[in-house]
C-alpha atoms as a PDB file:
ATOM      1  CA  UNK A   1      30.277  17.458 -59.907  1.00  0.00           C
ATOM      2  CA  UNK A   2      32.712  14.628 -59.005  1.00  0.00           C
ATOM      3  CA  UNK A   3      32.632  15.726 -55.341  1.00  0.00           C
ATOM      4  CA  UNK A   4      28.887  15.088 -54.991  1.00  0.00           C
ATOM      5  CA  UNK A   5      29.112  11.250 -54.983  1.00  0.00           C
ATOM      6  CA  UNK A   6      32.012  11.404 -52.521  1.00  0.00           C
ATOM      7  CA  UNK A   7      30.116  13.792 -50.259  1.00  0.00           C
ATOM      8  CA  UNK A   8      27.013  11.609 -50.411  1.00  0.00           C
ATOM      9  CA  UNK A   9      29.129   8.571 -49.546  1.00  0.00           C
ATOM     10  CA  UNK A  10      30.630  10.356 -46.538  1.00  0.00           C
ATOM     11  CA  UNK A  11      27.156  11.372 -45.386  1.00  0.00           C
ATOM     12  CA  UNK A  12      25.978   7.756 -45.662  1.00  0.00           C
ATOM     13  CA  UNK A  13      29.022   6.575 -43.744  1.00  0.00           C
ATOM     14  CA  UNK A  14      28.474   9.189 -41.041  1.00  0.00           C
ATOM     15  CA  UNK A  15      24.787   8.279 -40.725  1.00  0.00           C
ATOM     16  CA  UNK A  16      25.722   4.627 -40.477  1.00  0.00           C
ATOM     17  CA  UNK A  17      28.210   5.341 -37.678  1.00  0.00           C
ATOM     18  CA  UNK A  18      25.682   7.509 -35.820  1.00  0.00           C
ATOM     19  CA  UNK A  19      23.006   4.821 -36.207  1.00  0.00           C
ATOM     20  CA  UNK A  20      25.398   2.158 -34.904  1.00  0.00           C
ATOM     21  CA  UNK A  21      26.369   4.273 -31.873  1.00  0.00           C
ATOM     22  CA  UNK A  22      22.748   5.119 -31.047  1.00  0.00           C
ATOM     23  CA  UNK A  23      21.673   1.484 -31.432  1.00  0.00           C
ATOM     24  CA  UNK A  24      24.530   0.265 -29.225  1.00  0.00           C
ATOM     25  CA  UNK A  25      23.692   2.877 -26.586  1.00  0.00           C
ATOM     26  CA  UNK A  26      20.023   1.880 -26.631  1.00  0.00           C
ATOM     27  CA  UNK A  27      20.856  -1.800 -26.275  1.00  0.00           C
ATOM     28  CA  UNK A  28      23.213  -1.052 -23.355  1.00  0.00           C
ATOM     29  CA  UNK A  29      20.567   1.116 -21.677  1.00  0.00           C
ATOM     30  CA  UNK A  30      17.896  -1.584 -21.995  1.00  0.00           C
ATOM     31  CA  UNK A  31      20.299  -4.199 -20.635  1.00  0.00           C
ATOM     32  CA  UNK A  32      21.102  -1.996 -17.650  1.00  0.00           C
ATOM     33  CA  UNK A  33      17.391  -1.455 -16.928  1.00  0.00           C
ATOM     34  CA  UNK A  34      16.608  -5.176 -17.004  1.00  0.00           C
ATOM     35  CA  UNK A  35      19.654  -5.983 -14.883  1.00  0.00           C
ATOM     36  CA  UNK A  36      18.566  -3.377 -12.341  1.00  0.00           C
ATOM     37  CA  UNK A  37      15.060  -4.862 -12.274  1.00  0.00           C
ATOM     38  CA  UNK A  38      16.525  -8.313 -11.602  1.00  0.00           C
ATOM     39  CA  UNK A  39      18.510  -6.921  -8.679  1.00  0.00           C
ATOM     40  CA  UNK A  40      15.353  -5.325  -7.266  1.00  0.00           C
ATOM     41  CA  UNK A  41      13.548  -8.651  -7.462  1.00  0.00           C
ATOM     42  CA  UNK A  42      16.341 -10.112  -5.347  1.00  0.00           C
ATOM     43  CA  UNK A  43      15.723  -7.506  -2.663  1.00  0.00           C
ATOM     44  CA  UNK A  44      14.433  -8.642   0.700  1.00  0.00           C
ATOM     45  CA  UNK A  45      13.062  -6.726   3.643  1.00  0.00           C
ATOM     46  CA  UNK A  46      14.306  -7.326   7.161  1.00  0.00           C
ATOM     47  CA  UNK A  47      13.249  -5.941  10.517  1.00  0.00           C
ATOM     48  CA  UNK A  48      15.829  -5.114  13.149  1.00  0.00           C
ATOM     49  CA  UNK A  49      15.458  -5.396  16.938  1.00  0.00           C
ATOM     50  CA  UNK A  50      13.606  -2.073  17.014  1.00  0.00           C
ATOM     51  CA  UNK A  51      11.126  -3.278  14.371  1.00  0.00           C
ATOM     52  CA  UNK A  52      12.558  -0.776  11.884  1.00  0.00           C
ATOM     53  CA  UNK A  53      12.007  -1.739   8.257  1.00  0.00           C
ATOM     54  CA  UNK A  54      15.236  -2.040   6.294  1.00  0.00           C
ATOM     55  CA  UNK A  55      16.158  -3.214   2.807  1.00  0.00           C
ATOM     56  CA  UNK A  56      18.820  -5.872   2.318  1.00  0.00           C
ATOM     57  CA  UNK A  57      20.210  -7.430  -0.856  1.00  0.00           C
ATOM     58  CA  UNK A  58      20.923 -11.102  -1.480  1.00  0.00           C
ATOM     59  CA  UNK A  59      22.048 -13.212  -4.410  1.00  0.00           C
ATOM     60  CA  UNK A  60      18.781 -15.060  -4.176  1.00  0.00           C
ATOM     61  CA  UNK A  61      15.718 -14.319  -2.073  1.00  0.00           C
ATOM     62  CA  UNK A  62      15.189 -18.042  -1.545  1.00  0.00           C
ATOM     63  CA  UNK A  63      18.444 -18.257   0.421  1.00  0.00           C
ATOM     64  CA  UNK A  64      16.940 -16.075   3.130  1.00  0.00           C
ATOM     65  CA  UNK A  65      13.353 -17.371   3.134  1.00  0.00           C
ATOM     66  CA  UNK A  66      13.845 -19.620   6.151  1.00  0.00           C
ATOM     67  CA  UNK A  67      15.367 -16.731   8.121  1.00  0.00           C
ATOM     68  CA  UNK A  68      12.494 -14.470   7.068  1.00  0.00           C
ATOM     69  CA  UNK A  69       9.987 -17.106   8.167  1.00  0.00           C
ATOM     70  CA  UNK A  70      11.685 -17.291  11.568  1.00  0.00           C
ATOM     71  CA  UNK A  71      11.578 -13.491  11.897  1.00  0.00           C
ATOM     72  CA  UNK A  72       7.856 -13.409  11.108  1.00  0.00           C
ATOM     73  CA  UNK A  73       7.071 -16.154  13.625  1.00  0.00           C
ATOM     74  CA  UNK A  74       8.860 -14.179  16.343  1.00  0.00           C
ATOM     75  CA  UNK A  75       7.010 -11.008  15.338  1.00  0.00           C
ATOM     76  CA  UNK A  76       3.613 -12.719  15.497  1.00  0.00           C
ATOM     77  CA  UNK A  77       4.323 -14.023  18.994  1.00  0.00           C
ATOM     78  CA  UNK A  78       5.516 -10.600  20.145  1.00  0.00           C
ATOM     79  CA  UNK A  79       2.236  -9.106  18.972  1.00  0.00           C
ATOM     80  CA  UNK A  80       0.273 -11.847  20.714  1.00  0.00           C
ATOM     81  CA  UNK A  81       2.093 -11.931  24.046  1.00  0.00           C
ATOM     82  CA  UNK A  82       3.550  -8.438  24.556  1.00  0.00           C
ATOM     83  CA  UNK A  83       0.623  -6.415  25.855  1.00  0.00           C
ATOM     84  CA  UNK A  84       0.096  -3.288  27.903  1.00  0.00           C
ATOM     85  CA  UNK A  85      -2.935  -2.436  30.068  1.00  0.00           C
ATOM     86  CA  UNK A  86      -4.083   0.023  27.442  1.00  0.00           C
ATOM     87  CA  UNK A  87      -7.046  -0.564  25.123  1.00  0.00           C
ATOM     88  CA  UNK A  88      -5.483   1.184  22.117  1.00  0.00           C
ATOM     89  CA  UNK A  89      -2.209  -0.704  22.541  1.00  0.00           C
ATOM     90  CA  UNK A  90      -4.003  -4.060  22.715  1.00  0.00           C
ATOM     91  CA  UNK A  91      -6.232  -3.292  19.718  1.00  0.00           C
ATOM     92  CA  UNK A  92      -3.211  -2.160  17.707  1.00  0.00           C
ATOM     93  CA  UNK A  93      -1.392  -5.441  18.383  1.00  0.00           C
ATOM     94  CA  UNK A  94      -4.473  -7.488  17.552  1.00  0.00           C
ATOM     95  CA  UNK A  95      -4.972  -5.627  14.272  1.00  0.00           C
ATOM     96  CA  UNK A  96      -1.343  -6.129  13.262  1.00  0.00           C
ATOM     97  CA  UNK A  97      -1.192  -9.819  14.189  1.00  0.00           C
ATOM     98  CA  UNK A  98      -4.421 -10.572  12.309  1.00  0.00           C
ATOM     99  CA  UNK A  99      -2.909  -8.979   9.199  1.00  0.00           C
ATOM    100  CA  UNK A 100       0.000 -11.436   9.424  1.00  0.00           C
ATOM    101  CA  UNK A 101      -1.990 -14.581  10.176  1.00  0.00           C
ATOM    102  CA  UNK A 102      -5.021 -16.649   9.326  1.00  0.00           C
ATOM    103  CA  UNK A 103      -8.182 -17.798  11.101  1.00  0.00           C
ATOM    104  CA  UNK A 104      -6.370 -19.847  13.759  1.00  0.00           C
ATOM    105  CA  UNK A 105      -4.838 -16.741  15.350  1.00  0.00           C
ATOM    106  CA  UNK A 106      -8.094 -14.834  14.872  1.00  0.00           C
ATOM    107  CA  UNK A 107      -9.989 -17.556  16.755  1.00  0.00           C
ATOM    108  CA  UNK A 108      -7.405 -17.455  19.555  1.00  0.00           C
ATOM    109  CA  UNK A 109      -7.728 -13.683  19.956  1.00  0.00           C
ATOM    110  CA  UNK A 110     -11.529 -13.860  19.820  1.00  0.00           C
ATOM    111  CA  UNK A 111     -11.502 -16.535  22.526  1.00  0.00           C
ATOM    112  CA  UNK A 112      -9.363 -14.347  24.807  1.00  0.00           C
ATOM    113  CA  UNK A 113     -11.637 -11.376  24.153  1.00  0.00           C
ATOM    114  CA  UNK A 114     -14.808 -13.358  24.862  1.00  0.00           C
ATOM    115  CA  UNK A 115     -13.332 -14.664  28.129  1.00  0.00           C
ATOM    116  CA  UNK A 116     -12.530 -11.115  29.235  1.00  0.00           C
ATOM    117  CA  UNK A 117      -8.758 -11.574  29.173  1.00  0.00           C
ATOM    118  CA  UNK A 118      -7.944  -8.226  27.577  1.00  0.00           C
ATOM    119  CA  UNK A 119     -10.428  -6.350  29.762  1.00  0.00           C
ATOM    120  CA  UNK A 120      -8.861  -7.973  32.819  1.00  0.00           C
ATOM    121  CA  UNK A 121      -5.412  -6.723  31.821  1.00  0.00           C
ATOM    122  CA  UNK A 122      -6.709  -3.167  31.509  1.00  0.00           C
ATOM    123  CA  UNK A 123      -8.800  -3.276  34.685  1.00  0.00           C
ATOM    124  CA  UNK A 124      -5.987  -4.683  36.838  1.00  0.00           C
ATOM    125  CA  UNK A 125      -3.109  -2.772  35.252  1.00  0.00           C
ATOM    126  CA  UNK A 126      -1.321  -5.951  34.165  1.00  0.00           C
ATOM    127  CA  UNK A 127       1.290  -5.987  31.394  1.00  0.00           C
ATOM    128  CA  UNK A 128       2.649  -9.091  29.662  1.00  0.00           C
ATOM    129  CA  UNK A 129       6.067  -9.782  28.173  1.00  0.00           C
ATOM    130  CA  UNK A 130       7.468 -12.431  25.830  1.00  0.00           C
ATOM    131  CA  UNK A 131      10.931 -13.895  25.281  1.00  0.00           C
ATOM    132  CA  UNK A 132      11.736 -16.290  22.443  1.00  0.00           C
ATOM    133  CA  UNK A 133      14.091 -19.147  23.321  1.00  0.00           C
ATOM    134  CA  UNK A 134      14.270 -20.810  19.906  1.00  0.00           C
ATOM    135  CA  UNK A 135      12.436 -21.238  16.614  1.00  0.00           C
ATOM    136  CA  UNK A 136      12.741 -24.303  14.401  1.00  0.00           C
ATOM    137  CA  UNK A 137      11.780 -23.742  10.751  1.00  0.00           C
ATOM    138  CA  UNK A 138      11.601 -26.664   8.299  1.00  0.00           C
ATOM    139  CA  UNK A 139      10.276 -27.002   4.752  1.00  0.00           C
ATOM    140  CA  UNK A 140       6.773 -28.408   4.435  1.00  0.00           C
ATOM    141  CA  UNK A 141       5.059 -30.133   1.527  1.00  0.00           C
ATOM    142  CA  UNK A 142       1.606 -28.602   2.004  1.00  0.00           C
ATOM    143  CA  UNK A 143       2.796 -25.143   3.068  1.00  0.00           C
ATOM    144  CA  UNK A 144       6.148 -23.461   2.508  1.00  0.00           C
ATOM    145  CA  UNK A 145       7.389 -23.956   6.077  1.00  0.00           C
ATOM    146  CA  UNK A 146       6.459 -25.421   9.440  1.00  0.00           C
ATOM    147  CA  UNK A 147       7.681 -23.592  12.553  1.00  0.00           C
ATOM    148  CA  UNK A 148       7.947 -24.693  16.179  1.00  0.00           C
ATOM    149  CA  UNK A 149       8.630 -21.986  18.763  1.00  0.00           C
ATOM    150  CA  UNK A 150       9.758 -22.308  22.375  1.00  0.00           C
ATOM    151  CA  UNK A 151       9.616 -19.303  24.653  1.00  0.00           C
ATOM    152  CA  UNK A 152       8.567 -17.756  27.943  1.00  0.00           C
ATOM    153  CA  UNK A 153       5.970 -15.217  28.972  1.00  0.00           C
ATOM    154  CA  UNK A 154       5.515 -13.126  32.085  1.00  0.00           C
ATOM    155  CA  UNK A 155       2.474 -11.367  33.526  1.00  0.00           C
ATOM    156  CA  UNK A 156       3.512  -8.368  35.603  1.00  0.00           C
ATOM    157  CA  UNK A 157       1.071  -7.550  38.412  1.00  0.00           C
ATOM    158  CA  UNK A 158       1.479  -4.829  41.005  1.00  0.00           C
ATOM    159  CA  UNK A 159       2.556  -7.359  43.655  1.00  0.00           C
ATOM    160  CA  UNK A 160       3.920 -10.304  41.669  1.00  0.00           C
ATOM    161  CA  UNK A 161       5.251 -11.590  38.329  1.00  0.00           C
ATOM    162  CA  UNK A 162       3.916 -14.872  36.923  1.00  0.00           C
ATOM    163  CA  UNK A 163       6.239 -16.738  34.547  1.00  0.00           C
ATOM    164  CA  UNK A 164       5.139 -19.387  32.051  1.00  0.00           C
ATOM    165  CA  UNK A 165       6.804 -21.464  29.351  1.00  0.00           C
ATOM    166  CA  UNK A 166       5.140 -22.038  26.016  1.00  0.00           C
ATOM    167  CA  UNK A 167       5.450 -24.094  22.869  1.00  0.00           C
ATOM    168  CA  UNK A 168       3.583 -23.274  19.673  1.00  0.00           C
ATOM    169  CA  UNK A 169       3.361 -24.713  16.187  1.00  0.00           C
ATOM    170  CA  UNK A 170       2.323 -23.020  12.962  1.00  0.00           C
ATOM    171  CA  UNK A 171       2.680 -23.152   9.206  1.00  0.00           C
ATOM    172  CA  UNK A 172       3.666 -20.394   6.789  1.00  0.00           C
ATOM    173  CA  UNK A 173       2.867 -19.728   3.157  1.00  0.00           C
ATOM    174  CA  UNK A 174       4.200 -16.984   0.906  1.00  0.00           C
ATOM    175  CA  UNK A 175       2.304 -13.832  -0.012  1.00  0.00           C
ATOM    176  CA  UNK A 176       3.034 -10.420  -1.507  1.00  0.00           C
ATOM    177  CA  UNK A 177       5.429  -8.264   0.510  1.00  0.00           C
ATOM    178  CA  UNK A 178       4.389  -4.875   1.793  1.00  0.00           C
ATOM    179  CA  UNK A 179       5.271  -2.457   4.567  1.00  0.00           C
ATOM    180  CA  UNK A 180       3.151  -4.292   7.137  1.00  0.00           C
ATOM    181  CA  UNK A 181       4.397  -7.725   6.043  1.00  0.00           C
ATOM    182  CA  UNK A 182       7.986  -7.224   4.845  1.00  0.00           C
ATOM    183  CA  UNK A 183       8.850 -10.932   5.029  1.00  0.00           C
ATOM    184  CA  UNK A 184       6.044 -11.915   2.665  1.00  0.00           C
ATOM    185  CA  UNK A 185       4.560 -14.752   4.767  1.00  0.00           C
ATOM    186  CA  UNK A 186       1.229 -15.533   6.381  1.00  0.00           C
ATOM    187  CA  UNK A 187       1.022 -17.670   9.535  1.00  0.00           C
ATOM    188  CA  UNK A 188      -1.661 -20.349   9.338  1.00  0.00           C
ATOM    189  CA  UNK A 189      -2.869 -23.268  11.467  1.00  0.00           C
ATOM    190  CA  UNK A 190      -1.312 -21.743  14.596  1.00  0.00           C
ATOM    191  CA  UNK A 191      -1.804 -23.626  17.844  1.00  0.00           C
ATOM    192  CA  UNK A 192      -0.668 -23.340  21.441  1.00  0.00           C
ATOM    193  CA  UNK A 193       0.824 -26.764  22.137  1.00  0.00           C
ATOM    194  CA  UNK A 194       1.973 -26.178  25.713  1.00  0.00           C
ATOM    195  CA  UNK A 195       1.591 -23.341  28.221  1.00  0.00           C
ATOM    196  CA  UNK A 196       2.995 -24.347  31.629  1.00  0.00           C
ATOM    197  CA  UNK A 197       3.562 -22.417  34.841  1.00  0.00           C
ATOM    198  CA  UNK A 198       7.196 -21.790  35.732  1.00  0.00           C
ATOM    199  CA  UNK A 199       6.856 -19.844  38.955  1.00  0.00           C
ATOM    200  CA  UNK A 200       5.860 -16.638  40.690  1.00  0.00           C
ATOM    201  CA  UNK A 201       8.122 -13.841  41.921  1.00  0.00           C
ATOM    202  CA  UNK A 202       6.755 -11.697  44.745  1.00  0.00           C
ATOM    203  CA  UNK A 203       7.310  -7.990  44.142  1.00  0.00           C
ATOM    204  CA  UNK A 204       6.046  -6.818  47.560  1.00  0.00           C
ATOM    205  CA  UNK A 205       9.398  -7.015  49.442  1.00  0.00           C
ATOM    206  CA  UNK A 206      11.021  -4.816  46.814  1.00  0.00           C
ATOM    207  CA  UNK A 207       8.214  -2.251  47.006  1.00  0.00           C
ATOM    208  CA  UNK A 208       8.305  -2.236  50.849  1.00  0.00           C
ATOM    209  CA  UNK A 209      12.076  -1.768  50.832  1.00  0.00           C
ATOM    210  CA  UNK A 210      11.765   1.035  48.282  1.00  0.00           C
ATOM    211  CA  UNK A 211       9.129   2.760  50.424  1.00  0.00           C
ATOM    212  CA  UNK A 212      11.316   2.445  53.550  1.00  0.00           C
ATOM    213  CA  UNK A 213      14.323   3.867  51.685  1.00  0.00           C
ATOM    214  CA  UNK A 214      12.197   6.781  50.462  1.00  0.00           C
ATOM    215  CA  UNK A 215      11.029   7.584  54.016  1.00  0.00           C
ATOM    216  CA  UNK A 216      14.603   7.376  55.293  1.00  0.00           C
ATOM    217  CA  UNK A 217      15.829   9.783  52.623  1.00  0.00           C
ATOM    218  CA  UNK A 218      13.022  12.237  53.411  1.00  0.00           C
ATOM    219  CA  UNK A 219      13.791  12.099  57.167  1.00  0.00           C
ATOM    220  CA  UNK A 220      17.471  12.732  56.477  1.00  0.00           C
ATOM    221  CA  UNK A 221      16.594  15.696  54.314  1.00  0.00           C
ATOM    222  CA  UNK A 222      14.289  17.120  56.976  1.00  0.00           C
ATOM    223  CA  UNK A 223      17.043  16.891  59.591  1.00  0.00           C
ATOM    224  CA  UNK A 224      19.451  19.016  57.554  1.00  0.00           C
ATOM    225  CA  UNK A 225      19.675  22.611  58.811  1.00  0.00           C
ATOM    226  CA  UNK A 226      20.803  25.520  56.735  1.00  0.00           C
END
């Protein structure tokens, strides 16, 4: 009979230890979950030179916001000025750039479409290229950032290449990130400040020389006897 109180006391002690261990484990698990969630909130998306979506980690997302804004500005201009004489390619770029920007870019694209610019590219087999020289991104009171871009474009015809220099300005405000907008910005109030001719390179001499070399190679091959 005297062993019953002792046994009951041991059971109470054991239950107390088990309860303490379980409670400590639960608290540690919850802490780990919240800490992991905080790390995920500090995750940022970046796009490499091949436009491949990647995930990068930073101590604070805000540290990289200016760099992300610069990346988005470059991407928008690539979509606007890198075009192929293919209707599907052009429509795909227009759809993507409109997702990343506001009415200013939409009005610009609509103006080009109404003036027959895109149809002219397709009809004449002209492709366009873009190269970014620099992007200046500064904080703005009304928006998150203001960006000024300097770059060059080229229009590649069958017989010539036309080079131009451009300067644009735009503003950026934050939005929800997703796969199509990994930087989490929207470009607004975009405008083409300057678009000047740089020069024209004639492609005809190169094509004539290539044709002459081809004929020469064929004649040499025909003269070989077996």
